[in-house]
Full PDB file with SEQRES, HELIX, SHEET, SSBOND, CRYST1, ORIGX, SCALE, CONECT and MASTER records, all heavy atoms in Angstrom:
SEQRES   1 A   33  GLN ALA PRO GLY ASN GLU ARG GLU LEU VAL ALA LEU ILE          
SEQRES   2 A   33  THR SER GLY ASP THR PRO ILE TYR ALA ASP SER ALA LYS          
SEQRES   3 A   33  GLY ARG PHE THR ILE SER ARG                                  
SHEET    1 AA1 2 ALA A  11  ILE A  13  0                                        
SHEET    2 AA1 2 PRO A  19  TYR A  21 -1                                        
CRYST1    1.000    1.000    1.000  90.00  90.00  90.00 P 1           1          
ORIGX1      1.000000  0.000000  0.000000        0.00000                         
ORIGX2      0.000000  1.000000  0.000000        0.00000                         
ORIGX3      0.000000  0.000000  1.000000        0.00000                         
SCALE1      1.000000  0.000000  0.000000        0.00000                         
SCALE2      0.000000  1.000000  0.000000        0.00000                         
SCALE3      0.000000  0.000000  1.000000        0.00000                         
ATOM      1  N   GLN A   1     -15.783 -14.611 -18.673  1.00  0.00           N  
ATOM      2  CA  GLN A   1     -17.069 -13.968 -18.885  1.00  0.00           C  
ATOM      3  C   GLN A   1     -17.189 -12.778 -17.954  1.00  0.00           C  
ATOM      4  O   GLN A   1     -17.146 -12.923 -16.736  1.00  0.00           O  
ATOM      5  CB  GLN A   1     -18.218 -14.941 -18.650  1.00  0.00           C  
ATOM      6  CG  GLN A   1     -19.584 -14.384 -19.005  1.00  0.00           C  
ATOM      7  CD  GLN A   1     -20.652 -15.452 -19.032  1.00  0.00           C  
ATOM      8  OE1 GLN A   1     -20.475 -16.537 -18.490  1.00  0.00           O  
ATOM      9  NE2 GLN A   1     -21.764 -15.155 -19.671  1.00  0.00           N  
ATOM     10  N   ALA A   2     -17.329 -11.606 -18.546  1.00  0.00           N  
ATOM     11  CA  ALA A   2     -17.533 -10.383 -17.795  1.00  0.00           C  
ATOM     12  C   ALA A   2     -19.027 -10.123 -17.652  1.00  0.00           C  
ATOM     13  O   ALA A   2     -19.826 -10.595 -18.467  1.00  0.00           O  
ATOM     14  CB  ALA A   2     -16.857  -9.209 -18.493  1.00  0.00           C  
ATOM     15  N   PRO A   3     -19.431  -9.362 -16.641  1.00  0.00           N  
ATOM     16  CA  PRO A   3     -20.852  -9.069 -16.466  1.00  0.00           C  
ATOM     17  C   PRO A   3     -21.471  -8.454 -17.711  1.00  0.00           C  
ATOM     18  O   PRO A   3     -20.929  -7.510 -18.284  1.00  0.00           O  
ATOM     19  CB  PRO A   3     -20.861  -8.077 -15.301  1.00  0.00           C  
ATOM     20  CG  PRO A   3     -19.627  -8.415 -14.527  1.00  0.00           C  
ATOM     21  CD  PRO A   3     -18.609  -8.790 -15.574  1.00  0.00           C  
ATOM     22  N   GLY A   4     -22.592  -9.011 -18.145  1.00  0.00           N  
ATOM     23  CA  GLY A   4     -23.280  -8.511 -19.321  1.00  0.00           C  
ATOM     24  C   GLY A   4     -22.738  -9.011 -20.637  1.00  0.00           C  
ATOM     25  O   GLY A   4     -23.316  -8.701 -21.689  1.00  0.00           O  
ATOM     26  N   ASN A   5     -21.649  -9.767 -20.611  1.00  0.00           N  
ATOM     27  CA  ASN A   5     -21.040 -10.275 -21.838  1.00  0.00           C  
ATOM     28  C   ASN A   5     -21.150 -11.785 -21.924  1.00  0.00           C  
ATOM     29  O   ASN A   5     -21.417 -12.472 -20.935  1.00  0.00           O  
ATOM     30  CB  ASN A   5     -19.569  -9.873 -21.918  1.00  0.00           C  
ATOM     31  CG  ASN A   5     -19.368  -8.382 -22.058  1.00  0.00           C  
ATOM     32  OD1 ASN A   5     -20.235  -7.679 -22.569  1.00  0.00           O  
ATOM     33  ND2 ASN A   5     -18.220  -7.899 -21.606  1.00  0.00           N  
ATOM     34  N   GLU A   6     -20.923 -12.307 -23.119  1.00  0.00           N  
ATOM     35  CA  GLU A   6     -20.899 -13.744 -23.318  1.00  0.00           C  
ATOM     36  C   GLU A   6     -19.516 -14.293 -22.995  1.00  0.00           C  
ATOM     37  O   GLU A   6     -18.522 -13.569 -22.992  1.00  0.00           O  
ATOM     38  CB  GLU A   6     -21.286 -14.094 -24.753  1.00  0.00           C  
ATOM     39  CG  GLU A   6     -22.715 -13.715 -25.111  1.00  0.00           C  
ATOM     40  CD  GLU A   6     -23.123 -14.203 -26.485  1.00  0.00           C  
ATOM     41  OE1 GLU A   6     -22.266 -14.770 -27.190  1.00  0.00           O  
ATOM     42  OE2 GLU A   6     -24.295 -14.035 -26.841  1.00  0.00           O  
ATOM     43  N   ARG A   7     -19.463 -15.577 -22.732  1.00  0.00           N  
ATOM     44  CA  ARG A   7     -18.203 -16.226 -22.442  1.00  0.00           C  
ATOM     45  C   ARG A   7     -17.308 -16.197 -23.680  1.00  0.00           C  
ATOM     46  O   ARG A   7     -17.758 -16.469 -24.797  1.00  0.00           O  
ATOM     47  CB  ARG A   7     -18.441 -17.664 -21.990  1.00  0.00           C  
ATOM     48  CG  ARG A   7     -17.215 -18.366 -21.452  1.00  0.00           C  
ATOM     49  CD  ARG A   7     -17.586 -19.719 -20.838  1.00  0.00           C  
ATOM     50  NE  ARG A   7     -18.510 -19.568 -19.719  1.00  0.00           N  
ATOM     51  CZ  ARG A   7     -18.938 -20.570 -18.963  1.00  0.00           C  
ATOM     52  NH1 ARG A   7     -18.527 -21.812 -19.206  1.00  0.00           N  
ATOM     53  NH2 ARG A   7     -19.791 -20.335 -17.971  1.00  0.00           N  
ATOM     54  N   GLU A   8     -16.035 -15.868 -23.478  1.00  0.00           N  
ATOM     55  CA  GLU A   8     -15.105 -15.769 -24.587  1.00  0.00           C  
ATOM     56  C   GLU A   8     -13.831 -16.555 -24.308  1.00  0.00           C  
ATOM     57  O   GLU A   8     -13.406 -16.712 -23.165  1.00  0.00           O  
ATOM     58  CB  GLU A   8     -14.758 -14.301 -24.872  1.00  0.00           C  
ATOM     59  CG  GLU A   8     -14.004 -13.612 -23.749  1.00  0.00           C  
ATOM     60  CD  GLU A   8     -13.609 -12.187 -24.092  1.00  0.00           C  
ATOM     61  OE1 GLU A   8     -13.944 -11.718 -25.191  1.00  0.00           O  
ATOM     62  OE2 GLU A   8     -12.961 -11.533 -23.242  1.00  0.00           O  
ATOM     63  N   LEU A   9     -13.228 -17.015 -25.377  1.00  0.00           N  
ATOM     64  CA  LEU A   9     -11.973 -17.751 -25.287  1.00  0.00           C  
ATOM     65  C   LEU A   9     -10.847 -16.839 -24.829  1.00  0.00           C  
ATOM     66  O   LEU A   9     -10.725 -15.705 -25.292  1.00  0.00           O  
ATOM     67  CB  LEU A   9     -11.628 -18.358 -26.643  1.00  0.00           C  
ATOM     68  CG  LEU A   9     -10.242 -18.997 -26.772  1.00  0.00           C  
ATOM     69  CD1 LEU A   9     -10.162 -20.267 -25.941  1.00  0.00           C  
ATOM     70  CD2 LEU A   9      -9.926 -19.291 -28.237  1.00  0.00           C  
ATOM     71  N   VAL A  10     -10.009 -17.342 -23.930  1.00  0.00           N  
ATOM     72  CA  VAL A  10      -8.787 -16.657 -23.529  1.00  0.00           C  
ATOM     73  C   VAL A  10      -7.577 -17.388 -24.099  1.00  0.00           C  
ATOM     74  O   VAL A  10      -6.762 -16.802 -24.812  1.00  0.00           O  
ATOM     75  CB  VAL A  10      -8.671 -16.546 -21.999  1.00  0.00           C  
ATOM     76  CG1 VAL A  10      -7.358 -15.860 -21.620  1.00  0.00           C  
ATOM     77  CG2 VAL A  10      -9.861 -15.792 -21.425  1.00  0.00           C  
ATOM     78  N   ALA A  11      -7.445 -18.667 -23.779  1.00  0.00           N  
ATOM     79  CA  ALA A  11      -6.307 -19.444 -24.253  1.00  0.00           C  
ATOM     80  C   ALA A  11      -6.613 -20.924 -24.167  1.00  0.00           C  
ATOM     81  O   ALA A  11      -7.365 -21.364 -23.298  1.00  0.00           O  
ATOM     82  CB  ALA A  11      -5.047 -19.127 -23.438  1.00  0.00           C  
ATOM     83  N   LEU A  12      -6.012 -21.686 -25.070  1.00  0.00           N  
ATOM     84  CA  LEU A  12      -6.107 -23.138 -25.070  1.00  0.00           C  
ATOM     85  C   LEU A  12      -4.707 -23.718 -25.206  1.00  0.00           C  
ATOM     86  O   LEU A  12      -3.815 -23.073 -25.747  1.00  0.00           O  
ATOM     87  CB  LEU A  12      -6.971 -23.646 -26.229  1.00  0.00           C  
ATOM     88  CG  LEU A  12      -8.442 -23.248 -26.252  1.00  0.00           C  
ATOM     89  CD1 LEU A  12      -9.075 -23.680 -27.574  1.00  0.00           C  
ATOM     90  CD2 LEU A  12      -9.187 -23.867 -25.082  1.00  0.00           C  
ATOM     91  N   ILE A  13      -4.538 -24.947 -24.730  1.00  0.00           N  
ATOM     92  CA  ILE A  13      -3.277 -25.637 -24.904  1.00  0.00           C  
ATOM     93  C   ILE A  13      -3.569 -27.107 -25.176  1.00  0.00           C  
ATOM     94  O   ILE A  13      -4.363 -27.735 -24.480  1.00  0.00           O  
ATOM     95  CB  ILE A  13      -2.344 -25.447 -23.687  1.00  0.00           C  
ATOM     96  CG1 ILE A  13      -0.970 -26.064 -23.963  1.00  0.00           C  
ATOM     97  CG2 ILE A  13      -2.973 -25.998 -22.415  1.00  0.00           C  
ATOM     98  CD1 ILE A  13       0.087 -25.620 -22.964  1.00  0.00           C  
ATOM     99  N   THR A  14      -2.943 -27.649 -26.209  1.00  0.00           N  
ATOM    100  CA  THR A  14      -3.191 -29.020 -26.614  1.00  0.00           C  
ATOM    101  C   THR A  14      -2.363 -29.983 -25.783  1.00  0.00           C  
ATOM    102  O   THR A  14      -1.497 -29.590 -25.002  1.00  0.00           O  
ATOM    103  CB  THR A  14      -2.851 -29.220 -28.096  1.00  0.00           C  
ATOM    104  OG1 THR A  14      -1.437 -29.113 -28.278  1.00  0.00           O  
ATOM    105  CG2 THR A  14      -3.548 -28.184 -28.968  1.00  0.00           C  
ATOM    106  N   SER A  15      -2.613 -31.273 -25.983  1.00  0.00           N  
ATOM    107  CA  SER A  15      -1.839 -32.295 -25.288  1.00  0.00           C  
ATOM    108  C   SER A  15      -0.376 -32.269 -25.700  1.00  0.00           C  
ATOM    109  O   SER A  15       0.476 -32.752 -24.963  1.00  0.00           O  
ATOM    110  CB  SER A  15      -2.431 -33.682 -25.552  1.00  0.00           C  
ATOM    111  OG  SER A  15      -2.425 -33.983 -26.939  1.00  0.00           O  
ATOM    112  N   GLY A  16      -0.095 -31.704 -26.865  1.00  0.00           N  
ATOM    113  CA  GLY A  16       1.273 -31.537 -27.324  1.00  0.00           C  
ATOM    114  C   GLY A  16       1.888 -30.216 -26.909  1.00  0.00           C  
ATOM    115  O   GLY A  16       2.952 -29.850 -27.410  1.00  0.00           O  
ATOM    116  N   ASP A  17       1.220 -29.497 -26.025  1.00  0.00           N  
ATOM    117  CA  ASP A  17       1.698 -28.231 -25.457  1.00  0.00           C  
ATOM    118  C   ASP A  17       1.726 -27.103 -26.474  1.00  0.00           C  
ATOM    119  O   ASP A  17       2.522 -26.165 -26.348  1.00  0.00           O  
ATOM    120  CB  ASP A  17       3.076 -28.395 -24.831  1.00  0.00           C  
ATOM    121  CG  ASP A  17       3.055 -29.202 -23.550  1.00  0.00           C  
ATOM    122  OD1 ASP A  17       1.962 -29.393 -22.986  1.00  0.00           O  
ATOM    123  OD2 ASP A  17       4.141 -29.643 -23.112  1.00  0.00           O  
ATOM    124  N   THR A  18       0.871 -27.170 -27.480  1.00  0.00           N  
ATOM    125  CA  THR A  18       0.749 -26.076 -28.434  1.00  0.00           C  
ATOM    126  C   THR A  18      -0.292 -25.086 -27.933  1.00  0.00           C  
ATOM    127  O   THR A  18      -1.458 -25.448 -27.772  1.00  0.00           O  
ATOM    128  CB  THR A  18       0.348 -26.586 -29.814  1.00  0.00           C  
ATOM    129  OG1 THR A  18       1.346 -27.489 -30.303  1.00  0.00           O  
ATOM    130  CG2 THR A  18       0.203 -25.430 -30.795  1.00  0.00           C  
ATOM    131  N   PRO A  19       0.106 -23.835 -27.677  1.00  0.00           N  
ATOM    132  CA  PRO A  19      -0.847 -22.858 -27.160  1.00  0.00           C  
ATOM    133  C   PRO A  19      -1.578 -22.094 -28.255  1.00  0.00           C  
ATOM    134  O   PRO A  19      -1.044 -21.888 -29.347  1.00  0.00           O  
ATOM    135  CB  PRO A  19       0.048 -21.911 -26.354  1.00  0.00           C  
ATOM    136  CG  PRO A  19       1.334 -21.910 -27.122  1.00  0.00           C  
ATOM    137  CD  PRO A  19       1.482 -23.304 -27.686  1.00  0.00           C  
ATOM    138  N   ILE A  20      -2.783 -21.690 -27.936  1.00  0.00           N  
ATOM    139  CA  ILE A  20      -3.583 -20.827 -28.794  1.00  0.00           C  
ATOM    140  C   ILE A  20      -4.120 -19.706 -27.918  1.00  0.00           C  
ATOM    141  O   ILE A  20      -4.701 -19.962 -26.868  1.00  0.00           O  
ATOM    142  CB  ILE A  20      -4.742 -21.589 -29.452  1.00  0.00           C  
ATOM    143  CG1 ILE A  20      -4.213 -22.737 -30.308  1.00  0.00           C  
ATOM    144  CG2 ILE A  20      -5.589 -20.656 -30.310  1.00  0.00           C  
ATOM    145  CD1 ILE A  20      -5.297 -23.660 -30.818  1.00  0.00           C  
ATOM    146  N   TYR A  21      -3.937 -18.460 -28.358  1.00  0.00           N  
ATOM    147  CA  TYR A  21      -4.352 -17.313 -27.560  1.00  0.00           C  
ATOM    148  C   TYR A  21      -5.340 -16.446 -28.307  1.00  0.00           C  
ATOM    149  O   TYR A  21      -5.234 -16.259 -29.526  1.00  0.00           O  
ATOM    150  CB  TYR A  21      -3.156 -16.440 -27.192  1.00  0.00           C  
ATOM    151  CG  TYR A  21      -2.154 -17.096 -26.278  1.00  0.00           C  
ATOM    152  CD1 TYR A  21      -0.973 -17.633 -26.780  1.00  0.00           C  
ATOM    153  CD2 TYR A  21      -2.384 -17.169 -24.907  1.00  0.00           C  
ATOM    154  CE1 TYR A  21      -0.049 -18.226 -25.935  1.00  0.00           C  
ATOM    155  CE2 TYR A  21      -1.465 -17.761 -24.063  1.00  0.00           C  
ATOM    156  CZ  TYR A  21      -0.294 -18.289 -24.581  1.00  0.00           C  
ATOM    157  OH  TYR A  21       0.621 -18.873 -23.737  1.00  0.00           O  
ATOM    158  N   ALA A  22      -6.291 -15.899 -27.568  1.00  0.00           N  
ATOM    159  CA  ALA A  22      -7.114 -14.835 -28.100  1.00  0.00           C  
ATOM    160  C   ALA A  22      -6.254 -13.590 -28.276  1.00  0.00           C  
ATOM    161  O   ALA A  22      -5.234 -13.426 -27.600  1.00  0.00           O  
ATOM    162  CB  ALA A  22      -8.281 -14.535 -27.160  1.00  0.00           C  
ATOM    163  N   ASP A  23      -6.665 -12.711 -29.181  1.00  0.00           N  
ATOM    164  CA  ASP A  23      -5.892 -11.499 -29.423  1.00  0.00           C  
ATOM    165  C   ASP A  23      -5.717 -10.673 -28.151  1.00  0.00           C  
ATOM    166  O   ASP A  23      -4.665 -10.063 -27.941  1.00  0.00           O  
ATOM    167  CB  ASP A  23      -6.561 -10.645 -30.502  1.00  0.00           C  
ATOM    168  CG  ASP A  23      -6.415 -11.244 -31.887  1.00  0.00           C  
ATOM    169  OD1 ASP A  23      -5.528 -12.096 -32.085  1.00  0.00           O  
ATOM    170  OD2 ASP A  23      -7.189 -10.852 -32.780  1.00  0.00           O  
ATOM    171  N   SER A  24      -6.718 -10.660 -27.306  1.00  0.00           N  
ATOM    172  CA  SER A  24      -6.655  -9.882 -26.080  1.00  0.00           C  
ATOM    173  C   SER A  24      -5.631 -10.421 -25.091  1.00  0.00           C  
ATOM    174  O   SER A  24      -5.200  -9.696 -24.194  1.00  0.00           O  
ATOM    175  CB  SER A  24      -8.032  -9.835 -25.412  1.00  0.00           C  
ATOM    176  OG  SER A  24      -8.476 -11.135 -25.077  1.00  0.00           O  
ATOM    177  N   ALA A  25      -5.246 -11.683 -25.258  1.00  0.00           N  
ATOM    178  CA  ALA A  25      -4.329 -12.334 -24.327  1.00  0.00           C  
ATOM    179  C   ALA A  25      -2.887 -12.350 -24.812  1.00  0.00           C  
ATOM    180  O   ALA A  25      -1.962 -12.495 -24.000  1.00  0.00           O  
ATOM    181  CB  ALA A  25      -4.785 -13.767 -24.059  1.00  0.00           C  
ATOM    182  N   LYS A  26      -2.685 -12.214 -26.095  1.00  0.00           N  
ATOM    183  CA  LYS A  26      -1.348 -12.327 -26.665  1.00  0.00           C  
ATOM    184  C   LYS A  26      -0.397 -11.290 -26.081  1.00  0.00           C  
ATOM    185  O   LYS A  26      -0.721 -10.113 -25.992  1.00  0.00           O  
ATOM    186  CB  LYS A  26      -1.404 -12.179 -28.185  1.00  0.00           C  
ATOM    187  CG  LYS A  26      -2.071 -13.338 -28.895  1.00  0.00           C  
ATOM    188  CD  LYS A  26      -2.092 -13.121 -30.405  1.00  0.00           C  
ATOM    189  CE  LYS A  26      -2.747 -14.289 -31.120  1.00  0.00           C  
ATOM    190  NZ  LYS A  26      -2.825 -14.065 -32.585  1.00  0.00           N  
ATOM    191  N   GLY A  27       0.774 -11.760 -25.674  1.00  0.00           N  
ATOM    192  CA  GLY A  27       1.791 -10.875 -25.137  1.00  0.00           C  
ATOM    193  C   GLY A  27       1.651 -10.575 -23.671  1.00  0.00           C  
ATOM    194  O   GLY A  27       2.572 -10.006 -23.071  1.00  0.00           O  
ATOM    195  N   ARG A  28       0.536 -10.929 -23.063  1.00  0.00           N  
ATOM    196  CA  ARG A  28       0.306 -10.643 -21.652  1.00  0.00           C  
ATOM    197  C   ARG A  28       0.032 -11.888 -20.821  1.00  0.00           C  
ATOM    198  O   ARG A  28       0.400 -11.940 -19.648  1.00  0.00           O  
ATOM    199  CB  ARG A  28      -0.859  -9.667 -21.486  1.00  0.00           C  
ATOM    200  CG  ARG A  28      -0.648  -8.326 -22.164  1.00  0.00           C  
ATOM    201  CD  ARG A  28      -1.740  -7.337 -21.790  1.00  0.00           C  
ATOM    202  NE  ARG A  28      -3.066  -7.821 -22.169  1.00  0.00           N  
ATOM    203  CZ  ARG A  28      -4.081  -7.969 -21.315  1.00  0.00           C  
ATOM    204  NH1 ARG A  28      -3.923  -7.668 -20.036  1.00  0.00           N  
ATOM    205  NH2 ARG A  28      -5.254  -8.403 -21.746  1.00  0.00           N  
ATOM    206  N   PHE A  29      -0.620 -12.875 -21.421  1.00  0.00           N  
ATOM    207  CA  PHE A  29      -0.981 -14.088 -20.697  1.00  0.00           C  
ATOM    208  C   PHE A  29      -0.174 -15.269 -21.230  1.00  0.00           C  
ATOM    209  O   PHE A  29       0.169 -15.318 -22.415  1.00  0.00           O  
ATOM    210  CB  PHE A  29      -2.463 -14.408 -20.850  1.00  0.00           C  
ATOM    211  CG  PHE A  29      -3.399 -13.341 -20.353  1.00  0.00           C  
ATOM    212  CD1 PHE A  29      -4.750 -13.410 -20.639  1.00  0.00           C  
ATOM    213  CD2 PHE A  29      -2.938 -12.267 -19.595  1.00  0.00           C  
ATOM    214  CE1 PHE A  29      -5.628 -12.447 -20.183  1.00  0.00           C  
ATOM    215  CE2 PHE A  29      -3.805 -11.290 -19.137  1.00  0.00           C  
ATOM    216  CZ  PHE A  29      -5.163 -11.383 -19.436  1.00  0.00           C  
ATOM    217  N   THR A  30       0.097 -16.225 -20.357  1.00  0.00           N  
ATOM    218  CA  THR A  30       0.817 -17.429 -20.744  1.00  0.00           C  
ATOM    219  C   THR A  30       0.102 -18.645 -20.192  1.00  0.00           C  
ATOM    220  O   THR A  30      -0.135 -18.731 -18.987  1.00  0.00           O  
ATOM    221  CB  THR A  30       2.264 -17.408 -20.236  1.00  0.00           C  
ATOM    222  OG1 THR A  30       2.949 -16.263 -20.752  1.00  0.00           O  
ATOM    223  CG2 THR A  30       2.998 -18.672 -20.696  1.00  0.00           C  
ATOM    224  N   ILE A  31      -0.234 -19.579 -21.068  1.00  0.00           N  
ATOM    225  CA  ILE A  31      -0.874 -20.815 -20.645  1.00  0.00           C  
ATOM    226  C   ILE A  31       0.157 -21.938 -20.631  1.00  0.00           C  
ATOM    227  O   ILE A  31       1.047 -21.992 -21.481  1.00  0.00           O  
ATOM    228  CB  ILE A  31      -2.070 -21.167 -21.561  1.00  0.00           C  
ATOM    229  CG1 ILE A  31      -2.873 -22.323 -20.967  1.00  0.00           C  
ATOM    230  CG2 ILE A  31      -1.616 -21.473 -22.983  1.00  0.00           C  
ATOM    231  CD1 ILE A  31      -4.205 -22.562 -21.676  1.00  0.00           C  
ATOM    232  N   SER A  32       0.038 -22.821 -19.659  1.00  0.00           N  
ATOM    233  CA  SER A  32       0.930 -23.965 -19.551  1.00  0.00           C  
ATOM    234  C   SER A  32       0.175 -25.109 -18.886  1.00  0.00           C  
ATOM    235  O   SER A  32      -0.916 -24.915 -18.349  1.00  0.00           O  
ATOM    236  CB  SER A  32       2.198 -23.615 -18.765  1.00  0.00           C  
ATOM    237  OG  SER A  32       1.880 -23.209 -17.448  1.00  0.00           O  
ATOM    238  N   ARG A  33       0.769 -26.300 -18.920  1.00  0.00           N  
ATOM    239  CA  ARG A  33       0.102 -27.443 -18.310  1.00  0.00           C  
ATOM    240  C   ARG A  33       1.113 -28.413 -17.743  1.00  0.00           C  
ATOM    241  O   ARG A  33       2.268 -28.465 -18.166  1.00  0.00           O  
ATOM    242  CB  ARG A  33      -0.805 -28.152 -19.323  1.00  0.00           C  
ATOM    243  CG  ARG A  33      -0.061 -28.832 -20.472  1.00  0.00           C  
ATOM    244  CD  ARG A  33      -1.026 -29.315 -21.548  1.00  0.00           C  
ATOM    245  NE  ARG A  33      -1.943 -30.329 -21.052  1.00  0.00           N  
ATOM    246  CZ  ARG A  33      -3.010 -30.771 -21.716  1.00  0.00           C  
ATOM    247  NH1 ARG A  33      -3.300 -30.265 -22.915  1.00  0.00           N  
ATOM    248  NH2 ARG A  33      -3.787 -31.705 -21.190  1.00  0.00           N  
TER     249      ARG A  33                                                      
MASTER        0    0    0    0    2    0    0    6  248    1    0    3          
END                                                                             
């Protein structure tokens, strides 16, 4: 959440290690657990 903006999804990862990324995060961010 940036100042003045609403909270937005960045990335999620399931219990099976399947990642889901927002378009803004793809190619730059990596989620792991």
